[in-house]
């Protein structure tokens, strides 16, 4: 499930030494910037040997402008916990400070990554159950790319269903490794059966499903497409993406008896909680995988 481009040894050697131990971040190096569309990119940076994270976590990535001013934003990690690099899937926001830096970044540029990782979107807090559902919109697919790179996930569940909703079909490109695993089960690192359900909401006919995730969850279309019921006894649901989508999913699942994961209390559903609605911009968001202005 490697993403575009391998980690060049030459760039790995370029990784600068970490900042002083008193600093909250370490200085890293941009390895690659891959443009999926004009507004959708994946960026890889070197990884401090001491940086540890749990699949599903996010980290704070910082990039500098020509004057050296650093702007940082929280982004979900798409790479495996064992990879020597960190990878992020990002939406470029018009006039965004980090977006403008990322749009002009080239291999060898300096970057900063906080020493810690954060988040609750991990399988560890889920109550035992045979079926795992991953519901994502846009760049919310990033943490699921990381989670599905963990072999233990493939032995902890019998079925895994990934639903990835975007506006245009080209925006599904970062999820290609997931689609490849669904199409070639023998290449998966475990015995779980993977179903991938792509959704393009603004290109009629491009995908079999084309409605909003909450609507298809409520009327049964997701369960029908996967050939798998969504019920509290069997299903464990992870959600990452647009905050309106997450709220609607939470409401629908709660009505069916699903309980959210709490600290030290397992549940049947978990959400990435640091998405924020941007004041004054209806429908615009910042959060996992996205870049705030």
C-alpha atoms as a PDB file:
ATOM      1  CA  UNK A   1       0.000   0.000   0.000  1.00  0.00           C
ATOM      2  CA  UNK A   2       2.845   2.368  -0.709  1.00  0.00           C
ATOM      3  CA  UNK A   3       1.916   5.808  -2.033  1.00  0.00           C
ATOM      4  CA  UNK A   4       3.499   7.453  -5.083  1.00  0.00           C
ATOM      5  CA  UNK A   5       7.261   7.381  -5.011  1.00  0.00           C
ATOM      6  CA  UNK A   6       9.601   5.500  -2.730  1.00  0.00           C
ATOM      7  CA  UNK A   7      11.659   7.205  -0.043  1.00  0.00           C
ATOM      8  CA  UNK A   8      14.886   8.303  -1.775  1.00  0.00           C
ATOM      9  CA  UNK A   9      17.989   7.506   0.216  1.00  0.00           C
ATOM     10  CA  UNK A  10      19.456  10.829  -0.863  1.00  0.00           C
ATOM     11  CA  UNK A  11      16.570  12.751   0.695  1.00  0.00           C
ATOM     12  CA  UNK A  12      16.607  10.614   3.805  1.00  0.00           C
ATOM     13  CA  UNK A  13      20.213  11.630   4.224  1.00  0.00           C
ATOM     14  CA  UNK A  14      19.179  15.273   3.843  1.00  0.00           C
ATOM     15  CA  UNK A  15      16.895  15.136   6.876  1.00  0.00           C
ATOM     16  CA  UNK A  16      18.236  17.798   9.242  1.00  0.00           C
ATOM     17  CA  UNK A  17      19.045  17.041  12.819  1.00  0.00           C
ATOM     18  CA  UNK A  18      16.183  17.574  15.231  1.00  0.00           C
ATOM     19  CA  UNK A  19      15.727  20.822  17.057  1.00  0.00           C
ATOM     20  CA  UNK A  20      16.674  21.139  20.689  1.00  0.00           C
ATOM     21  CA  UNK A  21      14.909  18.733  23.102  1.00  0.00           C
ATOM     22  CA  UNK A  22      13.088  21.691  24.651  1.00  0.00           C
ATOM     23  CA  UNK A  23      11.312  22.402  21.364  1.00  0.00           C
ATOM     24  CA  UNK A  24       7.847  20.967  20.750  1.00  0.00           C
ATOM     25  CA  UNK A  25       8.727  20.140  17.141  1.00  0.00           C
ATOM     26  CA  UNK A  26      11.522  18.693  15.045  1.00  0.00           C
ATOM     27  CA  UNK A  27      12.910  20.010  11.791  1.00  0.00           C
ATOM     28  CA  UNK A  28      12.268  17.698   8.865  1.00  0.00           C
ATOM     29  CA  UNK A  29      12.603  17.726   5.060  1.00  0.00           C
ATOM     30  CA  UNK A  30       9.997  17.578   2.307  1.00  0.00           C
ATOM     31  CA  UNK A  31      10.538  14.379   0.319  1.00  0.00           C
ATOM     32  CA  UNK A  32       7.809  14.738  -2.298  1.00  0.00           C
ATOM     33  CA  UNK A  33       4.620  16.592  -3.175  1.00  0.00           C
ATOM     34  CA  UNK A  34       2.239  14.637  -5.393  1.00  0.00           C
ATOM     35  CA  UNK A  35      -0.668  16.490  -7.016  1.00  0.00           C
ATOM     36  CA  UNK A  36      -3.753  14.352  -7.497  1.00  0.00           C
ATOM     37  CA  UNK A  37      -5.817  17.317  -8.738  1.00  0.00           C
ATOM     38  CA  UNK A  38      -5.300  21.077  -8.741  1.00  0.00           C
ATOM     39  CA  UNK A  39      -6.505  21.229  -5.139  1.00  0.00           C
ATOM     40  CA  UNK A  40      -5.614  17.773  -3.774  1.00  0.00           C
ATOM     41  CA  UNK A  41      -2.069  16.774  -2.872  1.00  0.00           C
ATOM     42  CA  UNK A  42      -0.097  14.251  -0.868  1.00  0.00           C
ATOM     43  CA  UNK A  43       3.054  15.440   0.868  1.00  0.00           C
ATOM     44  CA  UNK A  44       5.790  13.266   2.330  1.00  0.00           C
ATOM     45  CA  UNK A  45       8.322  14.480   4.865  1.00  0.00           C
ATOM     46  CA  UNK A  46      11.140  12.777   6.696  1.00  0.00           C
ATOM     47  CA  UNK A  47      10.357  11.323  10.108  1.00  0.00           C
ATOM     48  CA  UNK A  48      12.256  11.839  13.317  1.00  0.00           C
ATOM     49  CA  UNK A  49      13.417   8.419  14.590  1.00  0.00           C
ATOM     50  CA  UNK A  50      11.823   9.174  17.965  1.00  0.00           C
ATOM     51  CA  UNK A  51       8.403  10.077  16.528  1.00  0.00           C
ATOM     52  CA  UNK A  52       5.779   7.466  17.395  1.00  0.00           C
ATOM     53  CA  UNK A  53       2.080   7.425  16.567  1.00  0.00           C
ATOM     54  CA  UNK A  54      -0.938   5.156  16.542  1.00  0.00           C
ATOM     55  CA  UNK A  55      -2.592   4.520  13.171  1.00  0.00           C
ATOM     56  CA  UNK A  56      -5.467   7.008  12.917  1.00  0.00           C
ATOM     57  CA  UNK A  57      -3.648   9.808  14.733  1.00  0.00           C
ATOM     58  CA  UNK A  58      -2.937  13.276  13.398  1.00  0.00           C
ATOM     59  CA  UNK A  59       0.160  15.437  13.734  1.00  0.00           C
ATOM     60  CA  UNK A  60       0.937  19.126  13.281  1.00  0.00           C
ATOM     61  CA  UNK A  61       2.856  19.871  10.088  1.00  0.00           C
ATOM     62  CA  UNK A  62       4.594  23.191   9.598  1.00  0.00           C
ATOM     63  CA  UNK A  63       6.025  24.807   6.469  1.00  0.00           C
ATOM     64  CA  UNK A  64       7.933  28.062   6.120  1.00  0.00           C
ATOM     65  CA  UNK A  65       7.589  30.907   3.644  1.00  0.00           C
ATOM     66  CA  UNK A  66      10.517  32.724   2.028  1.00  0.00           C
ATOM     67  CA  UNK A  67      11.013  34.807   5.172  1.00  0.00           C
ATOM     68  CA  UNK A  68      11.192  31.716   7.369  1.00  0.00           C
ATOM     69  CA  UNK A  69       7.824  32.245   9.077  1.00  0.00           C
ATOM     70  CA  UNK A  70       6.325  28.883  10.032  1.00  0.00           C
ATOM     71  CA  UNK A  71       2.611  28.076   9.701  1.00  0.00           C
ATOM     72  CA  UNK A  72       1.420  24.786  11.208  1.00  0.00           C
ATOM     73  CA  UNK A  73      -1.824  22.878  10.821  1.00  0.00           C
ATOM     74  CA  UNK A  74      -3.093  19.526  12.184  1.00  0.00           C
ATOM     75  CA  UNK A  75      -3.226  16.832   9.504  1.00  0.00           C
ATOM     76  CA  UNK A  76      -4.104  13.143   9.725  1.00  0.00           C
ATOM     77  CA  UNK A  77      -1.218  10.785   9.022  1.00  0.00           C
ATOM     78  CA  UNK A  78      -1.717   8.500   6.014  1.00  0.00           C
ATOM     79  CA  UNK A  79       1.513   6.511   6.253  1.00  0.00           C
ATOM     80  CA  UNK A  80       2.121   3.299   8.167  1.00  0.00           C
ATOM     81  CA  UNK A  81       3.434   3.392  11.719  1.00  0.00           C
ATOM     82  CA  UNK A  82       6.518   1.538  10.460  1.00  0.00           C
ATOM     83  CA  UNK A  83       7.294   3.809   7.488  1.00  0.00           C
ATOM     84  CA  UNK A  84      10.501   5.884   7.669  1.00  0.00           C
ATOM     85  CA  UNK A  85       8.540   8.916   6.458  1.00  0.00           C
ATOM     86  CA  UNK A  86       5.281  10.702   7.303  1.00  0.00           C
ATOM     87  CA  UNK A  87       2.640  11.238   4.625  1.00  0.00           C
ATOM     88  CA  UNK A  88      -0.343  13.586   4.650  1.00  0.00           C
ATOM     89  CA  UNK A  89      -3.234  13.996   2.189  1.00  0.00           C
ATOM     90  CA  UNK A  90      -4.227  17.625   1.927  1.00  0.00           C
ATOM     91  CA  UNK A  91      -6.779  19.912   0.317  1.00  0.00           C
ATOM     92  CA  UNK A  92      -5.387  23.258  -0.822  1.00  0.00           C
ATOM     93  CA  UNK A  93      -7.613  26.054   0.453  1.00  0.00           C
ATOM     94  CA  UNK A  94      -7.721  29.295  -1.589  1.00  0.00           C
ATOM     95  CA  UNK A  95      -5.674  31.999   0.150  1.00  0.00           C
ATOM     96  CA  UNK A  96      -4.683  29.548   2.886  1.00  0.00           C
ATOM     97  CA  UNK A  97      -1.355  30.289   4.539  1.00  0.00           C
ATOM     98  CA  UNK A  98      -0.205  26.683   4.683  1.00  0.00           C
ATOM     99  CA  UNK A  99      -1.830  25.956   1.330  1.00  0.00           C
ATOM    100  CA  UNK A 100       0.291  28.559  -0.428  1.00  0.00           C
ATOM    101  CA  UNK A 101       3.442  27.140   1.133  1.00  0.00           C
ATOM    102  CA  UNK A 102       2.524  23.599   0.199  1.00  0.00           C
ATOM    103  CA  UNK A 103       1.594  24.546  -3.363  1.00  0.00           C
ATOM    104  CA  UNK A 104       5.117  25.851  -3.918  1.00  0.00           C
ATOM    105  CA  UNK A 105       6.984  23.200  -1.910  1.00  0.00           C
ATOM    106  CA  UNK A 106       9.634  21.073  -3.594  1.00  0.00           C
ATOM    107  CA  UNK A 107      11.744  18.150  -2.362  1.00  0.00           C
ATOM    108  CA  UNK A 108      14.431  19.382  -0.022  1.00  0.00           C
ATOM    109  CA  UNK A 109      12.361  22.174   1.549  1.00  0.00           C
ATOM    110  CA  UNK A 110      12.332  22.456   5.307  1.00  0.00           C
ATOM    111  CA  UNK A 111       9.327  21.302   7.333  1.00  0.00           C
ATOM    112  CA  UNK A 112       8.453  20.963  10.991  1.00  0.00           C
ATOM    113  CA  UNK A 113       6.505  18.206  12.738  1.00  0.00           C
ATOM    114  CA  UNK A 114       5.365  18.292  16.354  1.00  0.00           C
ATOM    115  CA  UNK A 115       6.982  15.682  18.549  1.00  0.00           C
ATOM    116  CA  UNK A 116       3.612  14.260  19.594  1.00  0.00           C
ATOM    117  CA  UNK A 117       0.638  12.755  17.754  1.00  0.00           C
ATOM    118  CA  UNK A 118      -2.978  13.108  18.762  1.00  0.00           C
ATOM    119  CA  UNK A 119      -6.511  11.855  18.220  1.00  0.00           C
ATOM    120  CA  UNK A 120      -9.120   9.260  19.137  1.00  0.00           C
ATOM    121  CA  UNK A 121      -9.819   7.789  15.694  1.00  0.00           C
ATOM    122  CA  UNK A 122      -8.158   4.457  16.437  1.00  0.00           C
ATOM    123  CA  UNK A 123      -9.427   0.886  16.578  1.00  0.00           C
ATOM    124  CA  UNK A 124      -8.116   0.501  20.123  1.00  0.00           C
ATOM    125  CA  UNK A 125     -11.153   2.139  21.726  1.00  0.00           C
ATOM    126  CA  UNK A 126     -13.739   0.143  19.827  1.00  0.00           C
ATOM    127  CA  UNK A 127     -15.691  -2.599  21.551  1.00  0.00           C
ATOM    128  CA  UNK A 128     -15.100  -6.079  20.083  1.00  0.00           C
ATOM    129  CA  UNK A 129     -17.136  -6.810  16.980  1.00  0.00           C
ATOM    130  CA  UNK A 130     -16.628  -8.622  13.667  1.00  0.00           C
ATOM    131  CA  UNK A 131     -17.424  -5.803  11.214  1.00  0.00           C
ATOM    132  CA  UNK A 132     -15.482  -2.542  10.789  1.00  0.00           C
ATOM    133  CA  UNK A 133     -16.969   0.335   8.797  1.00  0.00           C
ATOM    134  CA  UNK A 134     -14.806   3.317   7.774  1.00  0.00           C
ATOM    135  CA  UNK A 135     -16.774   6.328   6.553  1.00  0.00           C
ATOM    136  CA  UNK A 136     -14.781   9.151   4.960  1.00  0.00           C
ATOM    137  CA  UNK A 137     -15.373  12.274   2.943  1.00  0.00           C
ATOM    138  CA  UNK A 138     -12.581  13.895   0.944  1.00  0.00           C
ATOM    139  CA  UNK A 139      -9.197  13.853   2.636  1.00  0.00           C
ATOM    140  CA  UNK A 140     -10.790  12.153   5.638  1.00  0.00           C
ATOM    141  CA  UNK A 141      -9.591   8.964   3.937  1.00  0.00           C
ATOM    142  CA  UNK A 142      -6.050   9.672   5.208  1.00  0.00           C
ATOM    143  CA  UNK A 143      -6.273   8.051   8.665  1.00  0.00           C
ATOM    144  CA  UNK A 144      -7.925   4.977   7.161  1.00  0.00           C
ATOM    145  CA  UNK A 145      -4.999   4.569   4.766  1.00  0.00           C
ATOM    146  CA  UNK A 146      -2.774   4.403   7.843  1.00  0.00           C
ATOM    147  CA  UNK A 147      -5.065   2.057   9.780  1.00  0.00           C
ATOM    148  CA  UNK A 148      -5.318  -0.364   6.851  1.00  0.00           C
ATOM    149  CA  UNK A 149      -1.535  -0.546   6.750  1.00  0.00           C
ATOM    150  CA  UNK A 150      -1.645  -2.228  10.191  1.00  0.00           C
ATOM    151  CA  UNK A 151      -1.619  -6.051   9.866  1.00  0.00           C
ATOM    152  CA  UNK A 152      -3.418  -6.537  13.184  1.00  0.00           C
ATOM    153  CA  UNK A 153      -6.511  -4.758  11.856  1.00  0.00           C
ATOM    154  CA  UNK A 154      -6.848  -7.484   9.233  1.00  0.00           C
ATOM    155  CA  UNK A 155      -6.961 -10.199  11.876  1.00  0.00           C
ATOM    156  CA  UNK A 156      -9.147  -8.316  14.374  1.00  0.00           C
ATOM    157  CA  UNK A 157     -12.170  -8.129  12.059  1.00  0.00           C
ATOM    158  CA  UNK A 158     -13.959 -10.448   9.650  1.00  0.00           C
ATOM    159  CA  UNK A 159     -15.274  -7.720   7.335  1.00  0.00           C
ATOM    160  CA  UNK A 160     -13.950  -4.221   6.626  1.00  0.00           C
ATOM    161  CA  UNK A 161     -16.024  -1.769   4.601  1.00  0.00           C
ATOM    162  CA  UNK A 162     -14.529   1.536   3.412  1.00  0.00           C
ATOM    163  CA  UNK A 163     -16.902   4.211   2.113  1.00  0.00           C
ATOM    164  CA  UNK A 164     -15.129   7.169   0.517  1.00  0.00           C
ATOM    165  CA  UNK A 165     -17.271  10.081  -0.659  1.00  0.00           C
ATOM    166  CA  UNK A 166     -15.967  12.951  -2.800  1.00  0.00           C
ATOM    167  CA  UNK A 167     -17.443  15.477  -5.210  1.00  0.00           C
ATOM    168  CA  UNK A 168     -15.524  14.555  -8.363  1.00  0.00           C
ATOM    169  CA  UNK A 169     -14.284  11.056  -9.196  1.00  0.00           C
ATOM    170  CA  UNK A 170     -10.693  12.310  -9.623  1.00  0.00           C
ATOM    171  CA  UNK A 171     -10.656  13.050  -5.895  1.00  0.00           C
ATOM    172  CA  UNK A 172     -10.890   9.314  -5.156  1.00  0.00           C
ATOM    173  CA  UNK A 173      -7.276   8.863  -6.339  1.00  0.00           C
ATOM    174  CA  UNK A 174      -5.582   8.833  -2.895  1.00  0.00           C
ATOM    175  CA  UNK A 175      -7.700   5.774  -1.991  1.00  0.00           C
ATOM    176  CA  UNK A 176      -6.251   3.720  -4.867  1.00  0.00           C
ATOM    177  CA  UNK A 177      -4.305   1.451  -2.460  1.00  0.00           C
ATOM    178  CA  UNK A 178      -7.578   0.545  -0.731  1.00  0.00           C
ATOM    179  CA  UNK A 179      -9.291  -0.211  -4.024  1.00  0.00           C
ATOM    180  CA  UNK A 180      -6.328  -2.362  -5.056  1.00  0.00           C
ATOM    181  CA  UNK A 181      -6.588  -4.425  -1.879  1.00  0.00           C
ATOM    182  CA  UNK A 182     -10.321  -4.903  -2.378  1.00  0.00           C
ATOM    183  CA  UNK A 183      -9.706  -6.109  -5.929  1.00  0.00           C
ATOM    184  CA  UNK A 184      -6.839  -8.439  -4.970  1.00  0.00           C
ATOM    185  CA  UNK A 185      -7.685  -9.967  -1.568  1.00  0.00           C
ATOM    186  CA  UNK A 186      -4.665 -12.285  -1.658  1.00  0.00           C
ATOM    187  CA  UNK A 187      -2.395  -9.231  -1.263  1.00  0.00           C
ATOM    188  CA  UNK A 188      -4.022  -8.162   2.005  1.00  0.00           C
ATOM    189  CA  UNK A 189      -1.978  -8.610   5.187  1.00  0.00           C
ATOM    190  CA  UNK A 190      -4.715 -10.644   6.905  1.00  0.00           C
ATOM    191  CA  UNK A 191      -7.900 -12.617   6.541  1.00  0.00           C
ATOM    192  CA  UNK A 192     -10.520  -9.859   6.770  1.00  0.00           C
ATOM    193  CA  UNK A 193     -12.658  -9.367   3.673  1.00  0.00           C
ATOM    194  CA  UNK A 194     -12.432  -5.791   2.391  1.00  0.00           C
ATOM    195  CA  UNK A 195     -15.222  -3.987   0.518  1.00  0.00           C
ATOM    196  CA  UNK A 196     -14.513  -0.571  -1.016  1.00  0.00           C
ATOM    197  CA  UNK A 197     -17.462   1.684  -1.859  1.00  0.00           C
ATOM    198  CA  UNK A 198     -16.431   4.854  -3.749  1.00  0.00           C
ATOM    199  CA  UNK A 199     -18.953   7.685  -3.964  1.00  0.00           C
ATOM    200  CA  UNK A 200     -18.817  10.679  -6.343  1.00  0.00           C
ATOM    201  CA  UNK A 201     -21.705  12.992  -5.477  1.00  0.00           C
ATOM    202  CA  UNK A 202     -21.345  15.493  -8.345  1.00  0.00           C
ATOM    203  CA  UNK A 203     -20.617  13.199 -11.283  1.00  0.00           C
ATOM    204  CA  UNK A 204     -23.813  11.228 -11.947  1.00  0.00           C
ATOM    205  CA  UNK A 205     -23.063   7.724 -13.143  1.00  0.00           C
ATOM    206  CA  UNK A 206     -19.349   7.844 -12.303  1.00  0.00           C
ATOM    207  CA  UNK A 207     -19.858   5.565  -9.288  1.00  0.00           C
ATOM    208  CA  UNK A 208     -22.626   3.154  -8.348  1.00  0.00           C
ATOM    209  CA  UNK A 209     -23.392   5.256  -5.270  1.00  0.00           C
ATOM    210  CA  UNK A 210     -23.783   9.033  -5.539  1.00  0.00           C
ATOM    211  CA  UNK A 211     -25.697  10.289  -2.483  1.00  0.00           C
ATOM    212  CA  UNK A 212     -24.486  11.651   0.856  1.00  0.00           C
ATOM    213  CA  UNK A 213     -23.188   9.047   3.299  1.00  0.00           C
ATOM    214  CA  UNK A 214     -25.740   9.865   6.055  1.00  0.00           C
ATOM    215  CA  UNK A 215     -28.656   9.511   3.636  1.00  0.00           C
ATOM    216  CA  UNK A 216     -27.411   6.128   2.398  1.00  0.00           C
ATOM    217  CA  UNK A 217     -26.719   5.000   5.951  1.00  0.00           C
ATOM    218  CA  UNK A 218     -30.248   5.892   6.992  1.00  0.00           C
ATOM    219  CA  UNK A 219     -32.115   4.381   4.042  1.00  0.00           C
ATOM    220  CA  UNK A 220     -30.044   1.192   3.908  1.00  0.00           C
ATOM    221  CA  UNK A 221     -28.207   1.747   0.625  1.00  0.00           C
ATOM    222  CA  UNK A 222     -24.767   1.394   2.241  1.00  0.00           C
ATOM    223  CA  UNK A 223     -25.701  -1.886   3.894  1.00  0.00           C
ATOM    224  CA  UNK A 224     -27.196  -3.151   0.644  1.00  0.00           C
ATOM    225  CA  UNK A 225     -24.141  -2.163  -1.412  1.00  0.00           C
ATOM    226  CA  UNK A 226     -21.812  -3.892   1.031  1.00  0.00           C
ATOM    227  CA  UNK A 227     -24.062  -6.893   1.525  1.00  0.00           C
ATOM    228  CA  UNK A 228     -23.679  -6.364   5.241  1.00  0.00           C
ATOM    229  CA  UNK A 229     -26.127  -5.017   7.849  1.00  0.00           C
ATOM    230  CA  UNK A 230     -25.090  -2.133  10.068  1.00  0.00           C
ATOM    231  CA  UNK A 231     -26.223  -3.025  13.566  1.00  0.00           C
ATOM    232  CA  UNK A 232     -24.915  -2.376  17.042  1.00  0.00           C
ATOM    233  CA  UNK A 233     -24.245  -6.047  17.795  1.00  0.00           C
ATOM    234  CA  UNK A 234     -21.769  -6.542  14.933  1.00  0.00           C
ATOM    235  CA  UNK A 235     -20.747  -3.201  13.461  1.00  0.00           C
ATOM    236  CA  UNK A 236     -18.027  -0.816  14.589  1.00  0.00           C
ATOM    237  CA  UNK A 237     -18.026   2.512  12.774  1.00  0.00           C
ATOM    238  CA  UNK A 238     -15.190   5.011  12.323  1.00  0.00           C
ATOM    239  CA  UNK A 239     -15.966   8.383  10.721  1.00  0.00           C
ATOM    240  CA  UNK A 240     -13.665  11.106   9.429  1.00  0.00           C
ATOM    241  CA  UNK A 241     -14.545  14.030   7.211  1.00  0.00           C
ATOM    242  CA  UNK A 242     -16.994  16.856   6.778  1.00  0.00           C
ATOM    243  CA  UNK A 243     -18.391  17.851  10.186  1.00  0.00           C
ATOM    244  CA  UNK A 244     -21.986  17.952   8.926  1.00  0.00           C
ATOM    245  CA  UNK A 245     -21.590  14.394   7.671  1.00  0.00           C
ATOM    246  CA  UNK A 246     -20.105  13.289  10.978  1.00  0.00           C
ATOM    247  CA  UNK A 247     -22.921  14.870  12.977  1.00  0.00           C
ATOM    248  CA  UNK A 248     -25.573  13.210  10.823  1.00  0.00           C
ATOM    249  CA  UNK A 249     -23.855   9.818  11.049  1.00  0.00           C
ATOM    250  CA  UNK A 250     -23.590  10.149  14.819  1.00  0.00           C
ATOM    251  CA  UNK A 251     -27.276  11.000  15.111  1.00  0.00           C
ATOM    252  CA  UNK A 252     -28.379   8.091  12.919  1.00  0.00           C
ATOM    253  CA  UNK A 253     -26.175   5.566  14.697  1.00  0.00           C
ATOM    254  CA  UNK A 254     -27.111   6.815  18.168  1.00  0.00           C
ATOM    255  CA  UNK A 255     -30.768   6.215  17.293  1.00  0.00           C
ATOM    256  CA  UNK A 256     -29.810   2.600  16.614  1.00  0.00           C
ATOM    257  CA  UNK A 257     -28.127   2.197  19.989  1.00  0.00           C
ATOM    258  CA  UNK A 258     -24.517   2.889  19.028  1.00  0.00           C
ATOM    259  CA  UNK A 259     -22.418   4.506  21.768  1.00  0.00           C
ATOM    260  CA  UNK A 260     -19.360   6.679  21.107  1.00  0.00           C
ATOM    261  CA  UNK A 261     -15.913   5.689  22.321  1.00  0.00           C
ATOM    262  CA  UNK A 262     -15.037   7.506  25.534  1.00  0.00           C
ATOM    263  CA  UNK A 263     -11.821   7.620  27.508  1.00  0.00           C
ATOM    264  CA  UNK A 264     -11.393   4.163  29.057  1.00  0.00           C
ATOM    265  CA  UNK A 265     -14.874   3.189  27.800  1.00  0.00           C
ATOM    266  CA  UNK A 266     -15.164   1.162  24.579  1.00  0.00           C
ATOM    267  CA  UNK A 267     -17.930   2.070  22.148  1.00  0.00           C
ATOM    268  CA  UNK A 268     -19.339   1.111  18.786  1.00  0.00           C
ATOM    269  CA  UNK A 269     -18.536   4.366  16.961  1.00  0.00           C
ATOM    270  CA  UNK A 270     -15.646   6.817  16.930  1.00  0.00           C
ATOM    271  CA  UNK A 271     -15.069  10.139  15.191  1.00  0.00           C
ATOM    272  CA  UNK A 272     -12.209  12.494  14.498  1.00  0.00           C
ATOM    273  CA  UNK A 273     -13.055  15.355  16.817  1.00  0.00           C
ATOM    274  CA  UNK A 274     -10.786  18.219  15.810  1.00  0.00           C
ATOM    275  CA  UNK A 275     -12.653  19.229  12.680  1.00  0.00           C
ATOM    276  CA  UNK A 276     -13.843  22.802  13.040  1.00  0.00           C
ATOM    277  CA  UNK A 277     -16.352  24.784  11.013  1.00  0.00           C
ATOM    278  CA  UNK A 278     -14.627  27.899   9.738  1.00  0.00           C
ATOM    279  CA  UNK A 279     -16.403  31.059  10.963  1.00  0.00           C
ATOM    280  CA  UNK A 280     -18.016  32.978   8.139  1.00  0.00           C
ATOM    281  CA  UNK A 281     -17.545  30.258   5.526  1.00  0.00           C
ATOM    282  CA  UNK A 282     -20.580  28.040   5.230  1.00  0.00           C
ATOM    283  CA  UNK A 283     -19.625  24.503   4.374  1.00  0.00           C
ATOM    284  CA  UNK A 284     -15.889  25.188   4.535  1.00  0.00           C
ATOM    285  CA  UNK A 285     -13.960  23.205   7.073  1.00  0.00           C
ATOM    286  CA  UNK A 286     -10.543  22.545   8.478  1.00  0.00           C
ATOM    287  CA  UNK A 287      -9.609  19.188   9.915  1.00  0.00           C
ATOM    288  CA  UNK A 288      -7.996  15.820   9.283  1.00  0.00           C
ATOM    289  CA  UNK A 289      -6.187  15.938   5.992  1.00  0.00           C
ATOM    290  CA  UNK A 290      -7.461  19.427   5.213  1.00  0.00           C
ATOM    291  CA  UNK A 291      -5.488  22.646   5.336  1.00  0.00           C
ATOM    292  CA  UNK A 292      -7.054  25.600   7.088  1.00  0.00           C
ATOM    293  CA  UNK A 293      -6.361  29.074   5.723  1.00  0.00           C
END
